[in-house]
Amino acid sequence: MTPAVKMLEHDGADFELLEYPHDPRAPAYGEEAARALALPPKTVFKTLIARLDDGRLVVGIVPVTAQLDLKALAKAAGARRANMAEATDAERATGYVLGGISPLGQKKRLPTFLDASAETLERLHVSGGRRGLEIRLAPADLIRLCTARLAPLARA
């Protein structure tokens, strides 16, 4: 049981766990999850950690079919610039390993931004806190539990 699952259970949120055998050779974890679980890729979101120009770490959540627009994330967070955080910083702040970083149950609560495309979905999928585990839940629950703000963060 991961901290993400514990958080959802404690809250009483409506969610489903989806598991698949993780392939350590898979180049992109989110795309692997979509393929392995036969999910529409636009409903599978990846959780990325960025560092703002003022040093703060923030979370950007975008569909696996897109890239995180760092300029848009910086703007949403009230900063001038953002860069992807170092892997060790992301893992230390969240308590999760790369490829299994969940926006839920992170060790340190970071400002979180969810791509606005999530609003159009009934359910979306995010990492459950380890490779090979996805959580299906309503975008409104993710927003509430992460205190996330919606922003246009994805670019093709």
C-alpha atoms as a PDB file:
ATOM      1  CA  MET A   1       0.000   0.000   0.000  1.00  0.00           C
ATOM      2  CA  THR A   2       1.494   3.314  -1.096  1.00  0.00           C
ATOM      3  CA  PRO A   3       1.024   6.713   0.597  1.00  0.00           C
ATOM      4  CA  ALA A   4      -1.183   7.707  -2.385  1.00  0.00           C
ATOM      5  CA  VAL A   5      -3.553   4.789  -1.785  1.00  0.00           C
ATOM      6  CA  LYS A   6      -3.574   5.424   1.968  1.00  0.00           C
ATOM      7  CA  MET A   7      -4.481   9.063   1.338  1.00  0.00           C
ATOM      8  CA  LEU A   8      -7.395   8.091  -0.913  1.00  0.00           C
ATOM      9  CA  GLU A   9      -8.680   5.481   1.526  1.00  0.00           C
ATOM     10  CA  HIS A  10      -8.422   7.875   4.470  1.00  0.00           C
ATOM     11  CA  ASP A  11     -10.372  10.483   2.504  1.00  0.00           C
ATOM     12  CA  GLY A  12     -13.046   8.001   1.413  1.00  0.00           C
ATOM     13  CA  ALA A  13     -12.555   9.058  -2.214  1.00  0.00           C
ATOM     14  CA  ASP A  14     -14.051   7.022  -5.052  1.00  0.00           C
ATOM     15  CA  PHE A  15     -11.110   5.450  -6.901  1.00  0.00           C
ATOM     16  CA  GLU A  16      -9.913   2.262  -8.567  1.00  0.00           C
ATOM     17  CA  LEU A  17      -6.465   0.693  -8.574  1.00  0.00           C
ATOM     18  CA  LEU A  18      -5.149  -0.715 -11.838  1.00  0.00           C
ATOM     19  CA  GLU A  19      -2.023  -2.858 -11.845  1.00  0.00           C
ATOM     20  CA  TYR A  20       0.155  -4.088 -14.675  1.00  0.00           C
ATOM     21  CA  PRO A  21       3.538  -5.799 -14.890  1.00  0.00           C
ATOM     22  CA  HIS A  22       6.069  -2.992 -15.251  1.00  0.00           C
ATOM     23  CA  ASP A  23       8.742  -3.523 -17.896  1.00  0.00           C
ATOM     24  CA  PRO A  24      12.019  -2.029 -16.618  1.00  0.00           C
ATOM     25  CA  ARG A  25      13.075  -1.427 -20.236  1.00  0.00           C
ATOM     26  CA  ALA A  26      10.038   0.760 -20.969  1.00  0.00           C
ATOM     27  CA  PRO A  27      11.283   4.214 -22.062  1.00  0.00           C
ATOM     28  CA  ALA A  28       8.190   6.172 -20.966  1.00  0.00           C
ATOM     29  CA  TYR A  29       6.315   5.060 -17.857  1.00  0.00           C
ATOM     30  CA  GLY A  30       3.010   6.821 -18.545  1.00  0.00           C
ATOM     31  CA  GLU A  31       2.817   5.556 -22.105  1.00  0.00           C
ATOM     32  CA  GLU A  32       3.662   2.072 -20.831  1.00  0.00           C
ATOM     33  CA  ALA A  33       0.708   2.280 -18.402  1.00  0.00           C
ATOM     34  CA  ALA A  34      -1.683   3.401 -21.150  1.00  0.00           C
ATOM     35  CA  ARG A  35      -0.568   0.546 -23.410  1.00  0.00           C
ATOM     36  CA  ALA A  36      -0.482  -2.159 -20.736  1.00  0.00           C
ATOM     37  CA  LEU A  37      -3.922  -1.243 -19.367  1.00  0.00           C
ATOM     38  CA  ALA A  38      -5.455  -0.435 -22.799  1.00  0.00           C
ATOM     39  CA  LEU A  39      -6.440   3.043 -21.608  1.00  0.00           C
ATOM     40  CA  PRO A  40      -7.061   6.034 -23.855  1.00  0.00           C
ATOM     41  CA  PRO A  41      -3.713   7.901 -23.614  1.00  0.00           C
ATOM     42  CA  LYS A  42      -5.432  11.266 -23.145  1.00  0.00           C
ATOM     43  CA  THR A  43      -6.798   9.976 -19.804  1.00  0.00           C
ATOM     44  CA  VAL A  44      -3.396   8.898 -18.455  1.00  0.00           C
ATOM     45  CA  PHE A  45      -1.490  11.744 -16.792  1.00  0.00           C
ATOM     46  CA  LYS A  46       2.153  11.931 -15.799  1.00  0.00           C
ATOM     47  CA  THR A  47       3.362  13.722 -12.697  1.00  0.00           C
ATOM     48  CA  LEU A  48       6.438  15.864 -13.246  1.00  0.00           C
ATOM     49  CA  ILE A  49       8.451  17.903 -10.771  1.00  0.00           C
ATOM     50  CA  ALA A  50       9.966  21.238 -11.804  1.00  0.00           C
ATOM     51  CA  ARG A  51      12.093  23.829 -10.070  1.00  0.00           C
ATOM     52  CA  LEU A  52      11.113  27.488 -10.425  1.00  0.00           C
ATOM     53  CA  ASP A  53      13.648  30.288 -10.792  1.00  0.00           C
ATOM     54  CA  ASP A  54      13.063  31.193  -7.138  1.00  0.00           C
ATOM     55  CA  GLY A  55      14.114  27.665  -6.080  1.00  0.00           C
ATOM     56  CA  ARG A  56      10.663  26.276  -5.234  1.00  0.00           C
ATOM     57  CA  LEU A  57       9.666  22.822  -6.449  1.00  0.00           C
ATOM     58  CA  VAL A  58       6.254  22.479  -8.082  1.00  0.00           C
ATOM     59  CA  VAL A  59       4.226  19.635  -9.582  1.00  0.00           C
ATOM     60  CA  GLY A  60       2.942  19.694 -13.168  1.00  0.00           C
ATOM     61  CA  ILE A  61       0.449  17.013 -14.218  1.00  0.00           C
ATOM     62  CA  VAL A  62      -0.105  16.565 -17.966  1.00  0.00           C
ATOM     63  CA  PRO A  63      -1.406  13.839 -20.290  1.00  0.00           C
ATOM     64  CA  VAL A  64       1.201  11.294 -21.377  1.00  0.00           C
ATOM     65  CA  THR A  65       0.463  12.317 -24.978  1.00  0.00           C
ATOM     66  CA  ALA A  66       1.887  15.797 -24.333  1.00  0.00           C
ATOM     67  CA  GLN A  67       4.926  17.527 -22.940  1.00  0.00           C
ATOM     68  CA  LEU A  68       4.917  19.833 -19.958  1.00  0.00           C
ATOM     69  CA  ASP A  69       5.181  23.445 -21.109  1.00  0.00           C
ATOM     70  CA  LEU A  70       7.646  24.764 -18.541  1.00  0.00           C
ATOM     71  CA  LYS A  71       6.972  28.383 -19.450  1.00  0.00           C
ATOM     72  CA  ALA A  72       3.232  27.863 -18.835  1.00  0.00           C
ATOM     73  CA  LEU A  73       3.949  26.102 -15.540  1.00  0.00           C
ATOM     74  CA  ALA A  74       6.183  28.963 -14.394  1.00  0.00           C
ATOM     75  CA  LYS A  75       3.494  31.482 -15.303  1.00  0.00           C
ATOM     76  CA  ALA A  76       0.812  29.493 -13.452  1.00  0.00           C
ATOM     77  CA  ALA A  77       3.081  29.371 -10.384  1.00  0.00           C
ATOM     78  CA  GLY A  78       3.850  33.098 -10.511  1.00  0.00           C
ATOM     79  CA  ALA A  79       7.473  32.673 -11.584  1.00  0.00           C
ATOM     80  CA  ARG A  80       9.492  33.687 -14.637  1.00  0.00           C
ATOM     81  CA  ARG A  81      11.109  30.344 -15.468  1.00  0.00           C
ATOM     82  CA  ALA A  82      10.940  26.662 -14.630  1.00  0.00           C
ATOM     83  CA  ASN A  83      13.208  23.732 -15.377  1.00  0.00           C
ATOM     84  CA  MET A  84      12.761  20.051 -14.752  1.00  0.00           C
ATOM     85  CA  ALA A  85      13.962  19.194 -11.258  1.00  0.00           C
ATOM     86  CA  GLU A  86      16.902  16.879 -10.736  1.00  0.00           C
ATOM     87  CA  ALA A  87      15.742  13.282 -10.255  1.00  0.00           C
ATOM     88  CA  THR A  88      17.170  13.106  -6.737  1.00  0.00           C
ATOM     89  CA  ASP A  89      15.372  16.323  -5.730  1.00  0.00           C
ATOM     90  CA  ALA A  90      12.071  15.030  -7.150  1.00  0.00           C
ATOM     91  CA  GLU A  91      12.414  11.697  -5.366  1.00  0.00           C
ATOM     92  CA  ARG A  92      13.476  13.283  -2.074  1.00  0.00           C
ATOM     93  CA  ALA A  93      10.603  15.797  -2.064  1.00  0.00           C
ATOM     94  CA  THR A  94       7.889  13.332  -3.072  1.00  0.00           C
ATOM     95  CA  GLY A  95       9.055  10.119  -1.416  1.00  0.00           C
ATOM     96  CA  TYR A  96       8.514   8.260  -4.697  1.00  0.00           C
ATOM     97  CA  VAL A  97      10.886   6.945  -7.383  1.00  0.00           C
ATOM     98  CA  LEU A  98      10.861   8.294 -10.936  1.00  0.00           C
ATOM     99  CA  GLY A  99       8.240   6.523 -12.994  1.00  0.00           C
ATOM    100  CA  GLY A 100       6.151   6.057  -9.867  1.00  0.00           C
ATOM    101  CA  ILE A 101       5.739   9.631  -8.668  1.00  0.00           C
ATOM    102  CA  SER A 102       2.130  10.148  -7.682  1.00  0.00           C
ATOM    103  CA  PRO A 103       0.602  13.577  -7.188  1.00  0.00           C
ATOM    104  CA  LEU A 104      -1.113  12.084  -4.120  1.00  0.00           C
ATOM    105  CA  GLY A 105       0.465  11.347  -0.753  1.00  0.00           C
ATOM    106  CA  GLN A 106       3.749  13.078  -1.440  1.00  0.00           C
ATOM    107  CA  LYS A 107       6.185  13.411   1.452  1.00  0.00           C
ATOM    108  CA  LYS A 108       6.285  17.180   1.034  1.00  0.00           C
ATOM    109  CA  ARG A 109       3.170  19.013  -0.156  1.00  0.00           C
ATOM    110  CA  LEU A 110       4.221  20.953  -3.256  1.00  0.00           C
ATOM    111  CA  PRO A 111       2.209  23.517  -5.222  1.00  0.00           C
ATOM    112  CA  THR A 112       0.403  21.422  -7.831  1.00  0.00           C
ATOM    113  CA  PHE A 113      -0.904  22.348 -11.277  1.00  0.00           C
ATOM    114  CA  LEU A 114      -3.093  20.104 -13.431  1.00  0.00           C
ATOM    115  CA  ASP A 115      -3.451  20.559 -17.163  1.00  0.00           C
ATOM    116  CA  ALA A 116      -6.819  22.105 -18.016  1.00  0.00           C
ATOM    117  CA  SER A 117      -7.640  19.214 -20.384  1.00  0.00           C
ATOM    118  CA  ALA A 118      -8.471  17.168 -17.277  1.00  0.00           C
ATOM    119  CA  GLU A 119     -11.689  19.196 -16.893  1.00  0.00           C
ATOM    120  CA  THR A 120     -13.166  17.472 -19.935  1.00  0.00           C
ATOM    121  CA  LEU A 121     -12.706  13.972 -18.493  1.00  0.00           C
ATOM    122  CA  GLU A 122     -15.033  11.976 -16.297  1.00  0.00           C
ATOM    123  CA  ARG A 123     -12.093   9.963 -14.927  1.00  0.00           C
ATOM    124  CA  LEU A 124      -8.343  10.212 -15.311  1.00  0.00           C
ATOM    125  CA  HIS A 125      -5.400   8.034 -14.353  1.00  0.00           C
ATOM    126  CA  VAL A 126      -2.309   8.980 -12.345  1.00  0.00           C
ATOM    127  CA  SER A 127       0.507   6.967 -10.837  1.00  0.00           C
ATOM    128  CA  GLY A 128      -0.389   5.086  -7.693  1.00  0.00           C
ATOM    129  CA  GLY A 129       3.029   5.641  -6.171  1.00  0.00           C
ATOM    130  CA  ARG A 130       5.009   2.842  -7.770  1.00  0.00           C
ATOM    131  CA  ARG A 131       5.773   1.634 -11.257  1.00  0.00           C
ATOM    132  CA  GLY A 132       3.011  -0.670 -12.442  1.00  0.00           C
ATOM    133  CA  LEU A 133       0.228   0.909 -10.365  1.00  0.00           C
ATOM    134  CA  GLU A 134      -2.282   3.460 -11.672  1.00  0.00           C
ATOM    135  CA  ILE A 135      -5.160   5.157  -9.892  1.00  0.00           C
ATOM    136  CA  ARG A 136      -8.417   5.965 -11.699  1.00  0.00           C
ATOM    137  CA  LEU A 137     -10.350   8.837 -10.135  1.00  0.00           C
ATOM    138  CA  ALA A 138     -12.427  11.906 -10.950  1.00  0.00           C
ATOM    139  CA  PRO A 139     -10.432  15.040 -11.801  1.00  0.00           C
ATOM    140  CA  ALA A 140     -12.371  16.948  -9.115  1.00  0.00           C
ATOM    141  CA  ASP A 141     -11.112  14.527  -6.446  1.00  0.00           C
ATOM    142  CA  LEU A 142      -7.528  14.864  -7.653  1.00  0.00           C
ATOM    143  CA  ILE A 143      -7.818  18.649  -7.622  1.00  0.00           C
ATOM    144  CA  ARG A 144      -9.317  18.658  -4.125  1.00  0.00           C
ATOM    145  CA  LEU A 145      -6.847  16.209  -2.599  1.00  0.00           C
ATOM    146  CA  CYS A 146      -3.770  17.869  -4.127  1.00  0.00           C
ATOM    147  CA  THR A 147      -5.098  21.411  -3.749  1.00  0.00           C
ATOM    148  CA  ALA A 148      -4.249  21.633  -7.446  1.00  0.00           C
ATOM    149  CA  ARG A 149      -4.946  24.519  -9.754  1.00  0.00           C
ATOM    150  CA  LEU A 150      -6.007  24.046 -13.353  1.00  0.00           C
ATOM    151  CA  ALA A 151      -3.846  25.664 -16.032  1.00  0.00           C
ATOM    152  CA  PRO A 152      -3.047  25.051 -19.709  1.00  0.00           C
ATOM    153  CA  LEU A 153       0.234  23.170 -19.228  1.00  0.00           C
ATOM    154  CA  ALA A 154       0.368  20.671 -22.095  1.00  0.00           C
ATOM    155  CA  ARG A 155       1.949  21.136 -25.479  1.00  0.00           C
ATOM    156  CA  ALA A 156       2.095  18.625 -28.312  1.00  0.00           C
END
